[in-house]
N, C-alpha and C. Protein backbone atom coordinates (compact mmCIF):
# COMPACT_ATOMS: atom_id res chain seq x y z
N MET A 1 291.25 -27.07 123.46
CA MET A 1 290.43 -27.67 122.43
C MET A 1 289.84 -26.54 121.59
N GLY A 2 290.00 -26.63 120.29
CA GLY A 2 289.48 -25.63 119.38
C GLY A 2 288.03 -25.89 119.03
N LEU A 3 287.49 -25.00 118.23
CA LEU A 3 286.11 -25.13 117.77
C LEU A 3 285.88 -26.43 117.02
N ASP A 4 286.89 -26.89 116.26
CA ASP A 4 286.73 -28.12 115.49
C ASP A 4 286.62 -29.36 116.38
N GLY A 5 286.94 -29.23 117.66
CA GLY A 5 286.74 -30.33 118.59
C GLY A 5 285.30 -30.42 119.08
N VAL A 6 284.57 -29.33 118.92
CA VAL A 6 283.19 -29.27 119.38
C VAL A 6 282.21 -29.41 118.21
N VAL A 7 282.53 -28.75 117.10
CA VAL A 7 281.66 -28.72 115.92
C VAL A 7 282.49 -29.18 114.72
N ALA A 8 281.94 -30.08 113.95
CA ALA A 8 282.64 -30.53 112.75
C ALA A 8 282.92 -29.33 111.84
N PRO A 9 284.15 -29.19 111.36
CA PRO A 9 284.47 -28.06 110.49
C PRO A 9 283.57 -27.98 109.26
N THR A 10 283.15 -29.15 108.78
CA THR A 10 282.26 -29.14 107.61
C THR A 10 280.89 -28.57 107.95
N LEU A 11 280.47 -28.67 109.21
CA LEU A 11 279.18 -28.09 109.61
C LEU A 11 279.25 -26.57 109.55
N LEU A 12 280.34 -26.01 110.05
CA LEU A 12 280.50 -24.56 110.00
C LEU A 12 280.60 -24.08 108.55
N GLY A 13 281.39 -24.79 107.74
CA GLY A 13 281.51 -24.43 106.32
C GLY A 13 280.17 -24.53 105.61
N PHE A 14 279.43 -25.60 105.90
CA PHE A 14 278.10 -25.79 105.31
C PHE A 14 277.18 -24.64 105.71
N ALA A 15 277.22 -24.27 106.99
CA ALA A 15 276.35 -23.18 107.46
C ALA A 15 276.67 -21.87 106.74
N LEU A 16 277.93 -21.58 106.57
CA LEU A 16 278.32 -20.34 105.88
C LEU A 16 277.94 -20.37 104.40
N ILE A 17 278.32 -21.44 103.73
CA ILE A 17 278.04 -21.55 102.30
C ILE A 17 276.54 -21.57 102.04
N ASN A 18 275.82 -22.39 102.79
CA ASN A 18 274.41 -22.53 102.51
C ASN A 18 273.58 -21.35 103.01
N SER A 19 274.09 -20.60 103.98
CA SER A 19 273.42 -19.35 104.34
C SER A 19 273.50 -18.38 103.17
N PHE A 20 274.66 -18.32 102.56
CA PHE A 20 274.84 -17.47 101.39
C PHE A 20 273.95 -17.92 100.23
N THR A 21 273.98 -19.22 99.91
CA THR A 21 273.19 -19.70 98.77
C THR A 21 271.69 -19.65 99.07
N PHE A 22 271.30 -19.78 100.34
CA PHE A 22 269.89 -19.63 100.70
C PHE A 22 269.46 -18.18 100.49
N GLY A 23 270.35 -17.25 100.79
CA GLY A 23 270.07 -15.84 100.50
C GLY A 23 269.88 -15.61 99.02
N VAL A 24 270.73 -16.23 98.21
CA VAL A 24 270.58 -16.16 96.75
C VAL A 24 269.21 -16.71 96.36
N ASP A 25 268.83 -17.85 96.95
CA ASP A 25 267.54 -18.48 96.67
C ASP A 25 266.39 -17.52 97.00
N LEU A 26 266.43 -16.90 98.18
CA LEU A 26 265.35 -16.00 98.59
C LEU A 26 265.26 -14.75 97.72
N VAL A 27 266.41 -14.20 97.35
CA VAL A 27 266.41 -13.01 96.48
C VAL A 27 265.81 -13.36 95.12
N LEU A 28 266.21 -14.51 94.59
CA LEU A 28 265.64 -14.94 93.30
C LEU A 28 264.14 -15.20 93.42
N LEU A 29 263.73 -15.88 94.51
CA LEU A 29 262.32 -16.17 94.72
C LEU A 29 261.50 -14.88 94.82
N ALA A 30 261.96 -13.94 95.62
CA ALA A 30 261.24 -12.67 95.77
C ALA A 30 261.20 -11.91 94.46
N SER A 31 262.28 -11.96 93.71
CA SER A 31 262.33 -11.26 92.42
C SER A 31 261.38 -11.89 91.41
N LEU A 32 261.42 -13.22 91.35
CA LEU A 32 260.59 -13.91 90.38
C LEU A 32 259.10 -13.88 90.74
N HIS A 33 258.79 -14.28 91.98
CA HIS A 33 257.38 -14.37 92.38
C HIS A 33 256.82 -13.01 92.78
N GLY A 34 257.52 -12.33 93.66
CA GLY A 34 257.02 -11.04 94.15
C GLY A 34 257.15 -9.92 93.13
N GLY A 35 258.23 -9.93 92.37
CA GLY A 35 258.48 -8.85 91.42
C GLY A 35 257.91 -9.08 90.03
N LEU A 36 258.17 -10.26 89.49
CA LEU A 36 257.75 -10.54 88.11
C LEU A 36 256.42 -11.30 88.01
N GLY A 37 255.92 -11.76 89.15
CA GLY A 37 254.64 -12.47 89.14
C GLY A 37 254.69 -13.89 88.61
N VAL A 38 255.88 -14.49 88.60
CA VAL A 38 256.02 -15.88 88.18
C VAL A 38 255.26 -16.74 89.20
N PRO A 39 254.46 -17.72 88.76
CA PRO A 39 253.75 -18.57 89.72
C PRO A 39 254.70 -19.18 90.74
N TYR A 40 254.21 -19.30 91.99
CA TYR A 40 255.05 -19.74 93.10
C TYR A 40 255.82 -21.03 92.82
N PRO A 41 255.18 -22.12 92.38
CA PRO A 41 255.95 -23.35 92.15
C PRO A 41 257.09 -23.17 91.13
N ALA A 42 256.85 -22.41 90.09
CA ALA A 42 257.90 -22.17 89.09
C ALA A 42 259.01 -21.29 89.66
N ALA A 43 258.63 -20.26 90.41
CA ALA A 43 259.63 -19.36 91.01
C ALA A 43 260.50 -20.11 92.01
N VAL A 44 259.87 -20.97 92.82
CA VAL A 44 260.62 -21.78 93.79
C VAL A 44 261.58 -22.71 93.06
N SER A 45 261.11 -23.33 91.99
CA SER A 45 261.93 -24.29 91.24
C SER A 45 263.15 -23.62 90.62
N ILE A 46 262.96 -22.48 90.01
CA ILE A 46 264.06 -21.78 89.35
C ILE A 46 265.08 -21.28 90.39
N SER A 47 264.59 -20.65 91.44
CA SER A 47 265.51 -20.13 92.45
C SER A 47 266.25 -21.26 93.16
N TYR A 48 265.55 -22.35 93.40
CA TYR A 48 266.14 -23.52 94.05
C TYR A 48 267.25 -24.12 93.19
N ALA A 49 267.00 -24.30 91.92
CA ALA A 49 268.00 -24.89 91.02
C ALA A 49 269.26 -24.03 90.97
N CYS A 50 269.10 -22.75 90.88
CA CYS A 50 270.26 -21.85 90.84
C CYS A 50 271.05 -21.92 92.14
N ALA A 51 270.36 -21.87 93.27
CA ALA A 51 271.03 -21.88 94.57
C ALA A 51 271.73 -23.21 94.83
N PHE A 52 271.11 -24.32 94.46
CA PHE A 52 271.73 -25.60 94.75
C PHE A 52 272.86 -25.95 93.78
N GLY A 53 272.83 -25.42 92.59
CA GLY A 53 273.98 -25.57 91.70
C GLY A 53 275.19 -24.86 92.28
N LEU A 54 274.97 -23.65 92.77
CA LEU A 54 276.03 -22.88 93.40
C LEU A 54 276.51 -23.56 94.69
N SER A 55 275.57 -24.09 95.46
CA SER A 55 275.92 -24.79 96.71
C SER A 55 276.80 -26.00 96.45
N TYR A 56 276.48 -26.77 95.42
CA TYR A 56 277.29 -27.96 95.11
C TYR A 56 278.74 -27.57 94.83
N VAL A 57 278.92 -26.59 93.98
CA VAL A 57 280.27 -26.17 93.59
C VAL A 57 281.04 -25.65 94.81
N LEU A 58 280.43 -24.78 95.58
CA LEU A 58 281.11 -24.20 96.74
C LEU A 58 281.42 -25.25 97.80
N ASN A 59 280.46 -26.14 98.10
CA ASN A 59 280.70 -27.18 99.09
C ASN A 59 281.73 -28.19 98.62
N ARG A 60 281.70 -28.56 97.37
CA ARG A 60 282.66 -29.54 96.84
C ARG A 60 284.08 -29.03 96.96
N TYR A 61 284.31 -27.79 96.56
CA TYR A 61 285.67 -27.28 96.50
C TYR A 61 286.15 -26.65 97.80
N PHE A 62 285.31 -25.91 98.48
CA PHE A 62 285.78 -25.16 99.64
C PHE A 62 285.49 -25.83 100.97
N ASN A 63 284.44 -26.60 101.07
CA ASN A 63 284.06 -27.15 102.36
C ASN A 63 284.48 -28.60 102.52
N PHE A 64 284.02 -29.47 101.64
CA PHE A 64 284.34 -30.88 101.77
C PHE A 64 285.63 -31.26 101.05
N ARG A 65 286.15 -30.35 100.22
CA ARG A 65 287.41 -30.54 99.50
C ARG A 65 287.48 -31.90 98.82
N SER A 66 286.44 -32.20 98.10
CA SER A 66 286.31 -33.50 97.46
C SER A 66 287.18 -33.59 96.21
N HIS A 67 287.80 -34.75 96.05
CA HIS A 67 288.59 -35.03 94.85
C HIS A 67 288.01 -36.23 94.10
N ALA A 68 286.82 -36.63 94.50
CA ALA A 68 286.16 -37.75 93.83
C ALA A 68 285.77 -37.34 92.42
N PRO A 69 285.61 -38.31 91.53
CA PRO A 69 285.16 -37.98 90.18
C PRO A 69 283.81 -37.23 90.23
N VAL A 70 283.70 -36.17 89.45
CA VAL A 70 282.51 -35.32 89.50
C VAL A 70 281.27 -36.06 89.01
N GLY A 71 281.36 -36.84 87.95
CA GLY A 71 280.19 -37.49 87.36
C GLY A 71 279.36 -38.31 88.34
N PRO A 72 279.94 -39.35 88.95
CA PRO A 72 279.16 -40.15 89.90
C PRO A 72 278.70 -39.35 91.12
N GLN A 73 279.55 -38.46 91.58
CA GLN A 73 279.21 -37.65 92.75
C GLN A 73 278.06 -36.71 92.43
N LEU A 74 278.10 -36.12 91.26
CA LEU A 74 277.03 -35.22 90.85
C LEU A 74 275.71 -35.98 90.68
N ALA A 75 275.77 -37.20 90.19
CA ALA A 75 274.56 -38.01 90.04
C ALA A 75 273.92 -38.27 91.40
N ILE A 76 274.74 -38.59 92.39
CA ILE A 76 274.22 -38.81 93.76
C ILE A 76 273.64 -37.51 94.30
N TYR A 77 274.34 -36.42 94.07
CA TYR A 77 273.87 -35.11 94.53
C TYR A 77 272.51 -34.77 93.92
N VAL A 78 272.35 -35.06 92.64
CA VAL A 78 271.08 -34.77 91.98
C VAL A 78 269.94 -35.56 92.62
N VAL A 79 270.18 -36.83 92.95
CA VAL A 79 269.15 -37.63 93.63
C VAL A 79 268.82 -37.03 94.99
N VAL A 80 269.83 -36.65 95.76
CA VAL A 80 269.63 -36.04 97.07
C VAL A 80 268.83 -34.74 96.93
N VAL A 81 269.16 -33.94 95.94
CA VAL A 81 268.48 -32.67 95.73
C VAL A 81 267.04 -32.88 95.27
N VAL A 82 266.80 -33.87 94.43
CA VAL A 82 265.42 -34.15 93.98
C VAL A 82 264.55 -34.56 95.17
N VAL A 83 265.07 -35.43 96.02
CA VAL A 83 264.32 -35.83 97.23
C VAL A 83 264.06 -34.59 98.09
N ASN A 84 265.06 -33.78 98.30
CA ASN A 84 264.91 -32.55 99.08
C ASN A 84 263.89 -31.63 98.44
N TYR A 85 263.96 -31.48 97.15
CA TYR A 85 263.07 -30.59 96.41
C TYR A 85 261.61 -31.01 96.57
N VAL A 86 261.34 -32.29 96.36
CA VAL A 86 259.97 -32.78 96.45
C VAL A 86 259.44 -32.69 97.88
N ALA A 87 260.24 -33.16 98.84
CA ALA A 87 259.78 -33.22 100.22
C ALA A 87 259.66 -31.85 100.90
N PHE A 88 260.69 -31.04 100.76
CA PHE A 88 260.71 -29.80 101.52
C PHE A 88 260.32 -28.57 100.71
N ILE A 89 260.84 -28.46 99.50
CA ILE A 89 260.64 -27.25 98.74
C ILE A 89 259.23 -27.19 98.16
N LEU A 90 258.84 -28.23 97.46
CA LEU A 90 257.49 -28.20 96.89
C LEU A 90 256.42 -28.55 97.92
N ALA A 91 256.54 -29.71 98.53
CA ALA A 91 255.47 -30.18 99.41
C ALA A 91 255.31 -29.30 100.65
N LEU A 92 256.36 -29.17 101.43
CA LEU A 92 256.24 -28.44 102.70
C LEU A 92 255.99 -26.95 102.48
N SER A 93 256.81 -26.30 101.64
CA SER A 93 256.63 -24.85 101.48
C SER A 93 255.31 -24.53 100.79
N SER A 94 254.89 -25.34 99.84
CA SER A 94 253.60 -25.10 99.18
C SER A 94 252.44 -25.33 100.14
N ALA A 95 252.54 -26.36 100.97
CA ALA A 95 251.48 -26.64 101.95
C ALA A 95 251.37 -25.49 102.95
N LEU A 96 252.51 -25.00 103.42
CA LEU A 96 252.49 -23.89 104.37
C LEU A 96 251.93 -22.62 103.73
N ALA A 97 252.31 -22.36 102.49
CA ALA A 97 251.79 -21.19 101.78
C ALA A 97 250.28 -21.34 101.53
N ALA A 98 249.84 -22.55 101.20
CA ALA A 98 248.41 -22.80 100.97
C ALA A 98 247.60 -22.64 102.26
N MET A 99 248.23 -22.88 103.40
CA MET A 99 247.56 -22.71 104.69
C MET A 99 247.53 -21.25 105.15
N GLY A 100 248.09 -20.36 104.31
CA GLY A 100 248.02 -18.94 104.61
C GLY A 100 249.30 -18.31 105.10
N LEU A 101 250.35 -19.08 105.29
CA LEU A 101 251.62 -18.51 105.72
C LEU A 101 252.23 -17.77 104.53
N ASP A 102 252.76 -16.59 104.77
CA ASP A 102 253.41 -15.82 103.71
C ASP A 102 254.45 -16.69 102.99
N TYR A 103 254.51 -16.59 101.67
CA TYR A 103 255.38 -17.47 100.90
C TYR A 103 256.84 -17.37 101.31
N ARG A 104 257.28 -16.20 101.76
CA ARG A 104 258.67 -16.06 102.21
C ARG A 104 258.89 -16.81 103.52
N LEU A 105 257.94 -16.74 104.43
CA LEU A 105 258.05 -17.49 105.69
C LEU A 105 257.91 -18.99 105.45
N ALA A 106 257.05 -19.35 104.51
CA ALA A 106 256.92 -20.77 104.16
C ALA A 106 258.24 -21.31 103.63
N ARG A 107 258.88 -20.52 102.79
CA ARG A 107 260.16 -20.95 102.21
C ARG A 107 261.25 -21.01 103.28
N MET A 108 261.24 -20.09 104.22
CA MET A 108 262.25 -20.09 105.28
C MET A 108 262.05 -21.28 106.22
N THR A 109 260.80 -21.62 106.51
CA THR A 109 260.52 -22.77 107.36
C THR A 109 260.97 -24.05 106.68
N ALA A 110 260.63 -24.19 105.41
CA ALA A 110 261.08 -25.36 104.66
C ALA A 110 262.61 -25.38 104.57
N GLY A 111 263.22 -24.20 104.49
CA GLY A 111 264.67 -24.10 104.42
C GLY A 111 265.36 -24.63 105.67
N ALA A 112 264.76 -24.40 106.83
CA ALA A 112 265.34 -24.94 108.07
C ALA A 112 265.32 -26.46 108.06
N CYS A 113 264.23 -27.03 107.59
CA CYS A 113 264.12 -28.50 107.51
C CYS A 113 265.11 -29.06 106.49
N GLU A 114 265.20 -28.40 105.37
CA GLU A 114 266.10 -28.90 104.33
C GLU A 114 267.56 -28.76 104.73
N ALA A 115 267.90 -27.79 105.56
CA ALA A 115 269.29 -27.61 106.00
C ALA A 115 269.79 -28.84 106.75
N VAL A 116 268.97 -29.35 107.65
CA VAL A 116 269.35 -30.55 108.41
C VAL A 116 269.53 -31.74 107.46
N TYR A 117 268.55 -31.94 106.62
CA TYR A 117 268.61 -33.06 105.65
C TYR A 117 269.82 -32.93 104.74
N MET A 118 270.04 -31.74 104.18
CA MET A 118 271.12 -31.58 103.21
C MET A 118 272.49 -31.73 103.84
N TYR A 119 272.70 -31.22 105.04
CA TYR A 119 274.01 -31.39 105.66
C TYR A 119 274.31 -32.87 105.87
N CYS A 120 273.35 -33.58 106.41
CA CYS A 120 273.54 -35.02 106.65
C CYS A 120 273.82 -35.75 105.34
N ALA A 121 273.05 -35.43 104.32
CA ALA A 121 273.23 -36.09 103.02
C ALA A 121 274.58 -35.74 102.39
N LEU A 122 274.99 -34.49 102.48
CA LEU A 122 276.28 -34.10 101.90
C LEU A 122 277.44 -34.74 102.65
N ARG A 123 277.37 -34.72 103.97
CA ARG A 123 278.48 -35.24 104.76
C ARG A 123 278.62 -36.75 104.65
N TRP A 124 277.49 -37.46 104.73
CA TRP A 124 277.58 -38.92 104.83
C TRP A 124 277.22 -39.67 103.56
N VAL A 125 276.74 -38.96 102.53
CA VAL A 125 276.38 -39.65 101.29
C VAL A 125 277.15 -39.07 100.10
N VAL A 126 276.94 -37.80 99.81
CA VAL A 126 277.52 -37.20 98.60
C VAL A 126 279.03 -37.05 98.69
N PHE A 127 279.52 -36.44 99.76
CA PHE A 127 280.94 -36.17 99.88
C PHE A 127 281.62 -37.08 100.91
N ARG A 128 281.07 -38.25 101.10
CA ARG A 128 281.66 -39.16 102.09
C ARG A 128 283.09 -39.49 101.69
N ARG A 129 283.88 -39.70 102.68
CA ARG A 129 285.28 -40.06 102.45
C ARG A 129 285.34 -41.53 102.10
N ALA A 130 286.16 -41.85 101.12
CA ALA A 130 286.34 -43.25 100.74
C ALA A 130 287.04 -43.99 101.86
N ARG A 131 286.54 -45.16 102.16
CA ARG A 131 287.19 -45.98 103.19
C ARG A 131 288.42 -46.63 102.59
N VAL A 132 289.45 -46.62 103.34
CA VAL A 132 290.68 -47.27 102.90
C VAL A 132 290.84 -48.54 103.72
N ASP A 133 290.88 -49.66 103.04
CA ASP A 133 291.08 -50.94 103.73
C ASP A 133 292.56 -51.27 103.66
N TYR A 134 293.17 -51.36 104.84
CA TYR A 134 294.58 -51.70 104.91
C TYR A 134 294.70 -53.19 105.13
N PRO A 135 295.68 -53.82 104.48
CA PRO A 135 295.85 -55.26 104.68
C PRO A 135 296.24 -55.58 106.13
N MET A 136 295.73 -56.66 106.60
CA MET A 136 296.05 -57.10 107.95
C MET A 136 297.49 -57.63 107.96
N PRO A 137 298.27 -57.32 109.01
CA PRO A 137 299.66 -57.82 109.05
C PRO A 137 299.71 -59.30 109.33
């Protein structure tokens, strides 16, 4: 039994792609907030948008290998990302930072929560496989 018998191949692909894009997010956040002094909510928003745009493209083509029309799929993805953004990125990371946790640690903690949510949403909502109904004999 190979690794794909134990772990869904899309989970491994998601982990690799989103680890990379999360790194992009953190570098942008540190550059914007820590380096340029951009207010935290704005810096989080900009870095998040860039990272999740990249994540969508990489997951669509390399991980989930989706051939669905981009328009409707992208609309669903945007809704999933907005929910993620409000719940984890703004609310959770801002609350943790306001409680005194370093903004980088706050973002990493929120990132762990969002990883679980986003994988589930991508696998079972955004990039779900179309069901094929075969006629009964």
